[in-house]
PDB file of N, CA and C in Angstrom:
ATOM      1  N   UNK A   1       6.854  -6.514  -5.476  1.00  0.00           N
ATOM      2  CA  UNK A   1       8.167  -6.346  -4.921  1.00  0.00           C
ATOM      3  C   UNK A   1       8.423  -7.485  -3.932  1.00  0.00           C
ATOM      4  N   UNK A   2       9.668  -7.809  -3.792  1.00  0.00           N
ATOM      5  CA  UNK A   2      10.020  -8.918  -2.912  1.00  0.00           C
ATOM      6  C   UNK A   2      10.226  -8.423  -1.486  1.00  0.00           C
ATOM      7  N   UNK A   3      10.347  -9.383  -0.600  1.00  0.00           N
ATOM      8  CA  UNK A   3      10.596  -9.039   0.797  1.00  0.00           C
ATOM      9  C   UNK A   3      11.946  -8.348   0.955  1.00  0.00           C
ATOM     10  N   UNK A   4      12.868  -8.628   0.063  1.00  0.00           N
ATOM     11  CA  UNK A   4      14.216  -8.067   0.145  1.00  0.00           C
ATOM     12  C   UNK A   4      14.393  -6.836  -0.738  1.00  0.00           C
ATOM     13  N   UNK A   5      13.358  -6.020  -0.847  1.00  0.00           N
ATOM     14  CA  UNK A   5      13.468  -4.847  -1.711  1.00  0.00           C
ATOM     15  C   UNK A   5      14.218  -3.698  -1.039  1.00  0.00           C
ATOM     16  N   UNK A   6      14.532  -3.847   0.254  1.00  0.00           N
ATOM     17  CA  UNK A   6      15.353  -2.893   1.000  1.00  0.00           C
ATOM     18  C   UNK A   6      14.798  -1.474   0.949  1.00  0.00           C
ATOM     19  N   UNK A   7      13.480  -1.342   1.070  1.00  0.00           N
ATOM     20  CA  UNK A   7      12.856  -0.027   1.131  1.00  0.00           C
ATOM     21  C   UNK A   7      12.352   0.502  -0.189  1.00  0.00           C
ATOM     22  N   UNK A   8      12.607  -0.209  -1.278  1.00  0.00           N
ATOM     23  CA  UNK A   8      12.186   0.278  -2.588  1.00  0.00           C
ATOM     24  C   UNK A   8      10.669   0.403  -2.679  1.00  0.00           C
ATOM     25  N   UNK A   9       9.956  -0.566  -2.137  1.00  0.00           N
ATOM     26  CA  UNK A   9       8.487  -0.536  -2.186  1.00  0.00           C
ATOM     27  C   UNK A   9       7.961   0.745  -1.540  1.00  0.00           C
ATOM     28  N   UNK A  10       8.465   1.067  -0.358  1.00  0.00           N
ATOM     29  CA  UNK A  10       8.013   2.261   0.344  1.00  0.00           C
ATOM     30  C   UNK A  10       8.377   3.528  -0.421  1.00  0.00           C
ATOM     31  N   UNK A  11       9.556   3.533  -1.032  1.00  0.00           N
ATOM     32  CA  UNK A  11       9.968   4.703  -1.803  1.00  0.00           C
ATOM     33  C   UNK A  11       9.051   4.925  -3.003  1.00  0.00           C
ATOM     34  N   UNK A  12       8.705   3.840  -3.695  1.00  0.00           N
ATOM     35  CA  UNK A  12       7.814   3.949  -4.855  1.00  0.00           C
ATOM     36  C   UNK A  12       6.429   4.402  -4.406  1.00  0.00           C
ATOM     37  N   UNK A  13       5.903   3.762  -3.359  1.00  0.00           N
ATOM     38  CA  UNK A  13       4.587   4.155  -2.851  1.00  0.00           C
ATOM     39  C   UNK A  13       4.600   5.609  -2.387  1.00  0.00           C
ATOM     40  N   UNK A  14       5.682   6.016  -1.753  1.00  0.00           N
ATOM     41  CA  UNK A  14       5.804   7.396  -1.295  1.00  0.00           C
ATOM     42  C   UNK A  14       5.796   8.378  -2.448  1.00  0.00           C
ATOM     43  N   UNK A  15       6.524   8.056  -3.500  1.00  0.00           N
ATOM     44  CA  UNK A  15       6.559   8.934  -4.672  1.00  0.00           C
ATOM     45  C   UNK A  15       5.175   9.046  -5.309  1.00  0.00           C
ATOM     46  N   UNK A  16       4.477   7.930  -5.390  1.00  0.00           N
ATOM     47  CA  UNK A  16       3.127   7.937  -5.967  1.00  0.00           C
ATOM     48  C   UNK A  16       2.198   8.797  -5.116  1.00  0.00           C
ATOM     49  N   UNK A  17       2.262   8.624  -3.793  1.00  0.00           N
ATOM     50  CA  UNK A  17       1.407   9.418  -2.910  1.00  0.00           C
ATOM     51  C   UNK A  17       1.714  10.907  -3.024  1.00  0.00           C
ATOM     52  N   UNK A  18       2.994  11.251  -3.139  1.00  0.00           N
ATOM     53  CA  UNK A  18       3.357  12.664  -3.252  1.00  0.00           C
ATOM     54  C   UNK A  18       2.827  13.276  -4.545  1.00  0.00           C
ATOM     55  N   UNK A  19       2.939  12.547  -5.644  1.00  0.00           N
ATOM     56  CA  UNK A  19       2.421  13.049  -6.925  1.00  0.00           C
ATOM     57  C   UNK A  19       0.905  13.164  -6.867  1.00  0.00           C
ATOM     58  N   UNK A  20       0.265  12.129  -6.340  1.00  0.00           N
ATOM     59  CA  UNK A  20      -1.195  12.143  -6.209  1.00  0.00           C
ATOM     60  C   UNK A  20      -1.628  13.336  -5.350  1.00  0.00           C
ATOM     61  N   UNK A  21      -0.912  13.566  -4.272  1.00  0.00           N
ATOM     62  CA  UNK A  21      -1.232  14.685  -3.391  1.00  0.00           C
ATOM     63  C   UNK A  21      -1.051  16.027  -4.067  1.00  0.00           C
ATOM     64  N   UNK A  22       0.005  16.150  -4.840  1.00  0.00           N
ATOM     65  CA  UNK A  22       0.251  17.404  -5.560  1.00  0.00           C
ATOM     66  C   UNK A  22      -0.885  17.690  -6.538  1.00  0.00           C
ATOM     67  N   UNK A  23      -1.310  16.661  -7.262  1.00  0.00           N
ATOM     68  CA  UNK A  23      -2.403  16.825  -8.227  1.00  0.00           C
ATOM     69  C   UNK A  23      -3.682  17.240  -7.502  1.00  0.00           C
ATOM     70  N   UNK A  24      -4.013  16.538  -6.425  1.00  0.00           N
ATOM     71  CA  UNK A  24      -5.230  16.872  -5.671  1.00  0.00           C
ATOM     72  C   UNK A  24      -5.174  18.306  -5.148  1.00  0.00           C
ATOM     73  N   UNK A  25      -4.022  18.685  -4.630  1.00  0.00           N
ATOM     74  CA  UNK A  25      -3.895  20.028  -4.071  1.00  0.00           C
ATOM     75  C   UNK A  25      -4.077  21.098  -5.146  1.00  0.00           C
ATOM     76  N   UNK A  26      -3.466  20.903  -6.301  1.00  0.00           N
ATOM     77  CA  UNK A  26      -3.596  21.873  -7.395  1.00  0.00           C
ATOM     78  C   UNK A  26      -5.039  21.942  -7.891  1.00  0.00           C
ATOM     79  N   UNK A  27      -5.651  20.781  -8.102  1.00  0.00           N
ATOM     80  CA  UNK A  27      -7.047  20.762  -8.558  1.00  0.00           C
ATOM     81  C   UNK A  27      -7.938  21.426  -7.505  1.00  0.00           C
ATOM     82  N   UNK A  28      -7.664  21.161  -6.242  1.00  0.00           N
ATOM     83  CA  UNK A  28      -8.432  21.786  -5.171  1.00  0.00           C
ATOM     84  C   UNK A  28      -8.300  23.297  -5.172  1.00  0.00           C
ATOM     85  N   UNK A  29      -7.102  23.797  -5.445  1.00  0.00           N
ATOM     86  CA  UNK A  29      -6.898  25.250  -5.511  1.00  0.00           C
ATOM     87  C   UNK A  29      -7.636  25.847  -6.701  1.00  0.00           C
ATOM     88  N   UNK A  30      -7.522  25.193  -7.851  1.00  0.00           N
ATOM     89  CA  UNK A  30      -8.158  25.707  -9.073  1.00  0.00           C
ATOM     90  C   UNK A  30      -9.679  25.729  -8.934  1.00  0.00           C
ATOM     91  N   UNK A  31     -10.228  24.700  -8.287  1.00  0.00           N
ATOM     92  CA  UNK A  31     -11.687  24.592  -8.152  1.00  0.00           C
ATOM     93  C   UNK A  31     -12.189  25.175  -6.834  1.00  0.00           C
ATOM     94  N   UNK A  32     -11.289  25.747  -6.052  1.00  0.00           N
ATOM     95  CA  UNK A  32     -11.619  26.306  -4.737  1.00  0.00           C
ATOM     96  C   UNK A  32     -12.285  25.265  -3.840  1.00  0.00           C
ATOM     97  N   UNK A  33     -11.732  24.048  -3.874  1.00  0.00           N
ATOM     98  CA  UNK A  33     -12.248  22.935  -3.077  1.00  0.00           C
ATOM     99  C   UNK A  33     -11.275  22.694  -1.921  1.00  0.00           C
ATOM    100  N   UNK A  34     -11.612  23.233  -0.760  1.00  0.00           N
ATOM    101  CA  UNK A  34     -10.726  23.144   0.409  1.00  0.00           C
ATOM    102  C   UNK A  34     -10.510  21.699   0.855  1.00  0.00           C
ATOM    103  N   UNK A  35     -11.552  20.869   0.742  1.00  0.00           N
ATOM    104  CA  UNK A  35     -11.430  19.464   1.148  1.00  0.00           C
ATOM    105  C   UNK A  35     -10.397  18.749   0.275  1.00  0.00           C
ATOM    106  N   UNK A  36     -10.460  18.969  -1.023  1.00  0.00           N
ATOM    107  CA  UNK A  36      -9.515  18.336  -1.942  1.00  0.00           C
ATOM    108  C   UNK A  36      -8.094  18.843  -1.690  1.00  0.00           C
ATOM    109  N   UNK A  37      -7.973  20.131  -1.395  1.00  0.00           N
ATOM    110  CA  UNK A  37      -6.655  20.678  -1.063  1.00  0.00           C
ATOM    111  C   UNK A  37      -6.084  19.984   0.172  1.00  0.00           C
ATOM    112  N   UNK A  38      -6.921  19.809   1.188  1.00  0.00           N
ATOM    113  CA  UNK A  38      -6.477  19.157   2.422  1.00  0.00           C
ATOM    114  C   UNK A  38      -6.100  17.701   2.166  1.00  0.00           C
ATOM    115  N   UNK A  39      -6.888  17.006   1.354  1.00  0.00           N
ATOM    116  CA  UNK A  39      -6.561  15.617   1.005  1.00  0.00           C
ATOM    117  C   UNK A  39      -5.211  15.556   0.298  1.00  0.00           C
ATOM    118  N   UNK A  40      -4.975  16.510  -0.582  1.00  0.00           N
ATOM    119  CA  UNK A  40      -3.705  16.553  -1.300  1.00  0.00           C
ATOM    120  C   UNK A  40      -2.530  16.756  -0.365  1.00  0.00           C
ATOM    121  N   UNK A  41      -2.697  17.669   0.581  1.00  0.00           N
ATOM    122  CA  UNK A  41      -1.623  17.906   1.551  1.00  0.00           C
ATOM    123  C   UNK A  41      -1.375  16.653   2.380  1.00  0.00           C
ATOM    124  N   UNK A  42      -2.452  15.984   2.786  1.00  0.00           N
ATOM    125  CA  UNK A  42      -2.318  14.762   3.584  1.00  0.00           C
ATOM    126  C   UNK A  42      -1.611  13.672   2.779  1.00  0.00           C
ATOM    127  N   UNK A  43      -1.976  13.523   1.507  1.00  0.00           N
ATOM    128  CA  UNK A  43      -1.318  12.518   0.661  1.00  0.00           C
ATOM    129  C   UNK A  43       0.179  12.803   0.543  1.00  0.00           C
ATOM    130  N   UNK A  44       0.540  14.078   0.442  1.00  0.00           N
ATOM    131  CA  UNK A  44       1.960  14.424   0.351  1.00  0.00           C
ATOM    132  C   UNK A  44       2.690  14.080   1.650  1.00  0.00           C
ATOM    133  N   UNK A  45       2.041  14.304   2.786  1.00  0.00           N
ATOM    134  CA  UNK A  45       2.643  13.945   4.076  1.00  0.00           C
ATOM    135  C   UNK A  45       2.829  12.433   4.163  1.00  0.00           C
ATOM    136  N   UNK A  46       1.793  11.678   3.767  1.00  0.00           N
ATOM    137  CA  UNK A  46       1.901  10.212   3.777  1.00  0.00           C
ATOM    138  C   UNK A  46       3.033   9.760   2.865  1.00  0.00           C
ATOM    139  N   UNK A  47       3.137  10.381   1.697  1.00  0.00           N
ATOM    140  CA  UNK A  47       4.190  10.017   0.757  1.00  0.00           C
ATOM    141  C   UNK A  47       5.575  10.275   1.316  1.00  0.00           C
ATOM    142  N   UNK A  48       5.731  11.401   1.978  1.00  0.00           N
ATOM    143  CA  UNK A  48       7.019  11.727   2.588  1.00  0.00           C
ATOM    144  C   UNK A  48       7.362  10.728   3.690  1.00  0.00           C
ATOM    145  N   UNK A  49       6.361  10.351   4.477  1.00  0.00           N
ATOM    146  CA  UNK A  49       6.593   9.369   5.547  1.00  0.00           C
ATOM    147  C   UNK A  49       7.006   8.016   4.966  1.00  0.00           C
ATOM    148  N   UNK A  50       6.323   7.572   3.923  1.00  0.00           N
ATOM    149  CA  UNK A  50       6.669   6.291   3.296  1.00  0.00           C
ATOM    150  C   UNK A  50       8.076   6.348   2.710  1.00  0.00           C
ATOM    151  N   UNK A  51       8.403   7.465   2.092  1.00  0.00           N
ATOM    152  CA  UNK A  51       9.732   7.635   1.513  1.00  0.00           C
ATOM    153  C   UNK A  51      10.803   7.564   2.606  1.00  0.00           C
ATOM    154  N   UNK A  52      10.528   8.178   3.741  1.00  0.00           N
ATOM    155  CA  UNK A  52      11.462   8.147   4.862  1.00  0.00           C
ATOM    156  C   UNK A  52      11.652   6.723   5.376  1.00  0.00           C
ATOM    157  N   UNK A  53      10.564   5.979   5.495  1.00  0.00           N
ATOM    158  CA  UNK A  53      10.658   4.577   5.921  1.00  0.00           C
ATOM    159  C   UNK A  53      11.527   3.794   4.932  1.00  0.00           C
ATOM    160  N   UNK A  54      11.316   4.035   3.643  1.00  0.00           N
ATOM    161  CA  UNK A  54      12.122   3.364   2.626  1.00  0.00           C
ATOM    162  C   UNK A  54      13.598   3.696   2.757  1.00  0.00           C
ATOM    163  N   UNK A  55      13.896   4.961   3.020  1.00  0.00           N
ATOM    164  CA  UNK A  55      15.290   5.371   3.196  1.00  0.00           C
ATOM    165  C   UNK A  55      15.919   4.708   4.417  1.00  0.00           C
ATOM    166  N   UNK A  56      15.157   4.621   5.501  1.00  0.00           N
ATOM    167  CA  UNK A  56      15.670   3.974   6.714  1.00  0.00           C
ATOM    168  C   UNK A  56      15.952   2.499   6.447  1.00  0.00           C
ATOM    169  N   UNK A  57      15.019   1.820   5.785  1.00  0.00           N
ATOM    170  CA  UNK A  57      15.229   0.402   5.462  1.00  0.00           C
ATOM    171  C   UNK A  57      16.476   0.224   4.607  1.00  0.00           C
ATOM    172  N   UNK A  58      16.659   1.122   3.650  1.00  0.00           N
ATOM    173  CA  UNK A  58      17.829   1.043   2.783  1.00  0.00           C
ATOM    174  C   UNK A  58      19.118   1.226   3.590  1.00  0.00           C
ATOM    175  N   UNK A  59      19.131   2.201   4.492  1.00  0.00           N
ATOM    176  CA  UNK A  59      20.324   2.454   5.306  1.00  0.00           C
ATOM    177  C   UNK A  59      20.612   1.287   6.250  1.00  0.00           C
ATOM    178  N   UNK A  60      19.567   0.691   6.818  1.00  0.00           N
ATOM    179  CA  UNK A  60      19.755  -0.474   7.689  1.00  0.00           C
ATOM    180  C   UNK A  60      20.373  -1.617   6.892  1.00  0.00           C
ATOM    181  N   UNK A  61      19.865  -1.831   5.686  1.00  0.00           N
ATOM    182  CA  UNK A  61      20.417  -2.889   4.834  1.00  0.00           C
ATOM    183  C   UNK A  61      21.891  -2.608   4.514  1.00  0.00           C
ATOM    184  N   UNK A  62      22.206  -1.366   4.149  1.00  0.00           N
ATOM    185  CA  UNK A  62      23.590  -1.009   3.845  1.00  0.00           C
ATOM    186  C   UNK A  62      24.490  -1.233   5.060  1.00  0.00           C
ATOM    187  N   UNK A  63      23.992  -0.876   6.230  1.00  0.00           N
ATOM    188  CA  UNK A  63      24.766  -1.073   7.458  1.00  0.00           C
ATOM    189  C   UNK A  63      25.034  -2.558   7.694  1.00  0.00           C
ATOM    190  N   UNK A  64      23.997  -3.370   7.537  1.00  0.00           N
ATOM    191  CA  UNK A  64      24.157  -4.819   7.732  1.00  0.00           C
ATOM    192  C   UNK A  64      25.151  -5.399   6.732  1.00  0.00           C
ATOM    193  N   UNK A  65      25.076  -4.960   5.488  1.00  0.00           N
ATOM    194  CA  UNK A  65      26.007  -5.443   4.463  1.00  0.00           C
ATOM    195  C   UNK A  65      27.431  -5.015   4.796  1.00  0.00           C
ATOM    196  N   UNK A  66      27.576  -3.797   5.265  1.00  0.00           N
ATOM    197  CA  UNK A  66      28.896  -3.292   5.634  1.00  0.00           C
ATOM    198  C   UNK A  66      29.480  -4.106   6.790  1.00  0.00           C
ATOM    199  N   UNK A  67      28.643  -4.443   7.770  1.00  0.00           N
ATOM    200  CA  UNK A  67      29.102  -5.236   8.917  1.00  0.00           C
ATOM    201  C   UNK A  67      29.506  -6.648   8.489  1.00  0.00           C
ATOM    202  N   UNK A  68      28.827  -7.210   7.481  1.00  0.00           N
ATOM    203  CA  UNK A  68      29.169  -8.548   6.982  1.00  0.00           C
ATOM    204  C   UNK A  68      30.562  -8.563   6.364  1.00  0.00           C
ATOM    205  N   UNK A  69      30.931  -7.455   5.725  1.00  0.00           N
ATOM    206  CA  UNK A  69      32.212  -7.377   5.027  1.00  0.00           C
ATOM    207  C   UNK A  69      33.387  -7.353   5.995  1.00  0.00           C
ATOM    208  N   UNK A  70      33.161  -6.980   7.219  1.00  0.00           N
ATOM    209  CA  UNK A  70      34.265  -6.858   8.194  1.00  0.00           C
ATOM    210  C   UNK A  70      34.560  -8.146   8.869  1.00  0.00           C
TER     211      UNK A  70
END
Protein backbone atom coordinates (compact mmCIF):
# COMPACT_ATOMS: atom_id res chain seq x y z
CA UNK A 1 0.00 0.00 0.00
CA UNK A 2 1.15 3.51 -0.65
CA UNK A 3 1.70 6.30 1.80
CA UNK A 4 -1.48 7.93 0.47
CA UNK A 5 -3.78 5.00 1.17
CA UNK A 6 -5.82 7.23 3.53
CA UNK A 7 -6.31 4.54 6.18
CA UNK A 8 -6.93 1.60 3.86
CA UNK A 9 -3.88 -0.29 5.12
CA UNK A 10 -5.07 -0.08 8.72
CA UNK A 11 -8.60 -1.09 7.74
CA UNK A 12 -7.34 -4.18 5.90
CA UNK A 13 -4.99 -5.13 8.73
CA UNK A 14 -7.80 -4.58 11.21
CA UNK A 15 -10.17 -6.83 9.28
CA UNK A 16 -7.53 -9.55 9.09
CA UNK A 17 -6.84 -9.33 12.83
CA UNK A 18 -10.55 -9.50 13.63
CA UNK A 19 -11.05 -12.61 11.49
CA UNK A 20 -7.92 -14.22 12.90
CA UNK A 21 -9.14 -13.43 16.40
CA UNK A 22 -12.57 -14.87 15.74
CA UNK A 23 -11.04 -18.12 14.47
CA UNK A 24 -8.70 -18.39 17.47
CA UNK A 25 -11.52 -17.71 19.89
CA UNK A 26 -13.81 -20.34 18.34
CA UNK A 27 -11.04 -22.95 18.19
CA UNK A 28 -10.16 -22.11 21.79
CA UNK A 29 -13.77 -22.65 22.88
CA UNK A 30 -14.09 -25.93 20.98
CA UNK A 31 -10.81 -27.27 22.40
CA UNK A 32 -11.36 -25.71 25.84
CA UNK A 33 -8.10 -23.77 25.44
CA UNK A 34 -8.46 -20.61 27.55
CA UNK A 35 -5.13 -19.19 26.32
CA UNK A 36 -6.21 -19.44 22.68
CA UNK A 37 -9.57 -17.88 23.53
CA UNK A 38 -7.79 -14.95 25.19
CA UNK A 39 -5.44 -14.54 22.21
CA UNK A 40 -8.47 -14.47 19.93
CA UNK A 41 -10.16 -11.79 21.99
CA UNK A 42 -6.95 -9.74 22.01
CA UNK A 43 -6.59 -10.07 18.23
CA UNK A 44 -10.16 -8.82 17.80
CA UNK A 45 -9.41 -5.80 20.02
CA UNK A 46 -6.26 -5.04 18.01
CA UNK A 47 -8.25 -5.37 14.80
CA UNK A 48 -10.91 -2.98 16.01
CA UNK A 49 -8.24 -0.46 17.05
CA UNK A 50 -6.53 -0.65 13.65
CA UNK A 51 -9.87 -0.27 11.91
CA UNK A 52 -10.61 2.82 14.00
CA UNK A 53 -7.23 4.34 13.11
CA UNK A 54 -8.00 3.69 9.45
CA UNK A 55 -11.38 5.39 9.77
CA UNK A 56 -9.82 8.42 11.44
CA UNK A 57 -7.18 8.71 8.70
CA UNK A 58 -9.91 8.49 6.09
CA UNK A 59 -11.98 11.21 7.78
CA UNK A 60 -8.94 13.49 8.13
CA UNK A 61 -8.21 13.04 4.43
CA UNK A 62 -11.85 13.80 3.52
CA UNK A 63 -11.75 16.91 5.70
CA UNK A 64 -8.54 18.13 4.06
CA UNK A 65 -9.99 17.52 0.59
CA UNK A 66 -13.16 19.36 1.54
CA UNK A 67 -11.13 22.34 2.81
CA UNK A 68 -9.16 22.44 -0.48
CA UNK A 69 -12.41 22.77 -2.44
CA UNK A 70 -13.40 25.95 -0.60
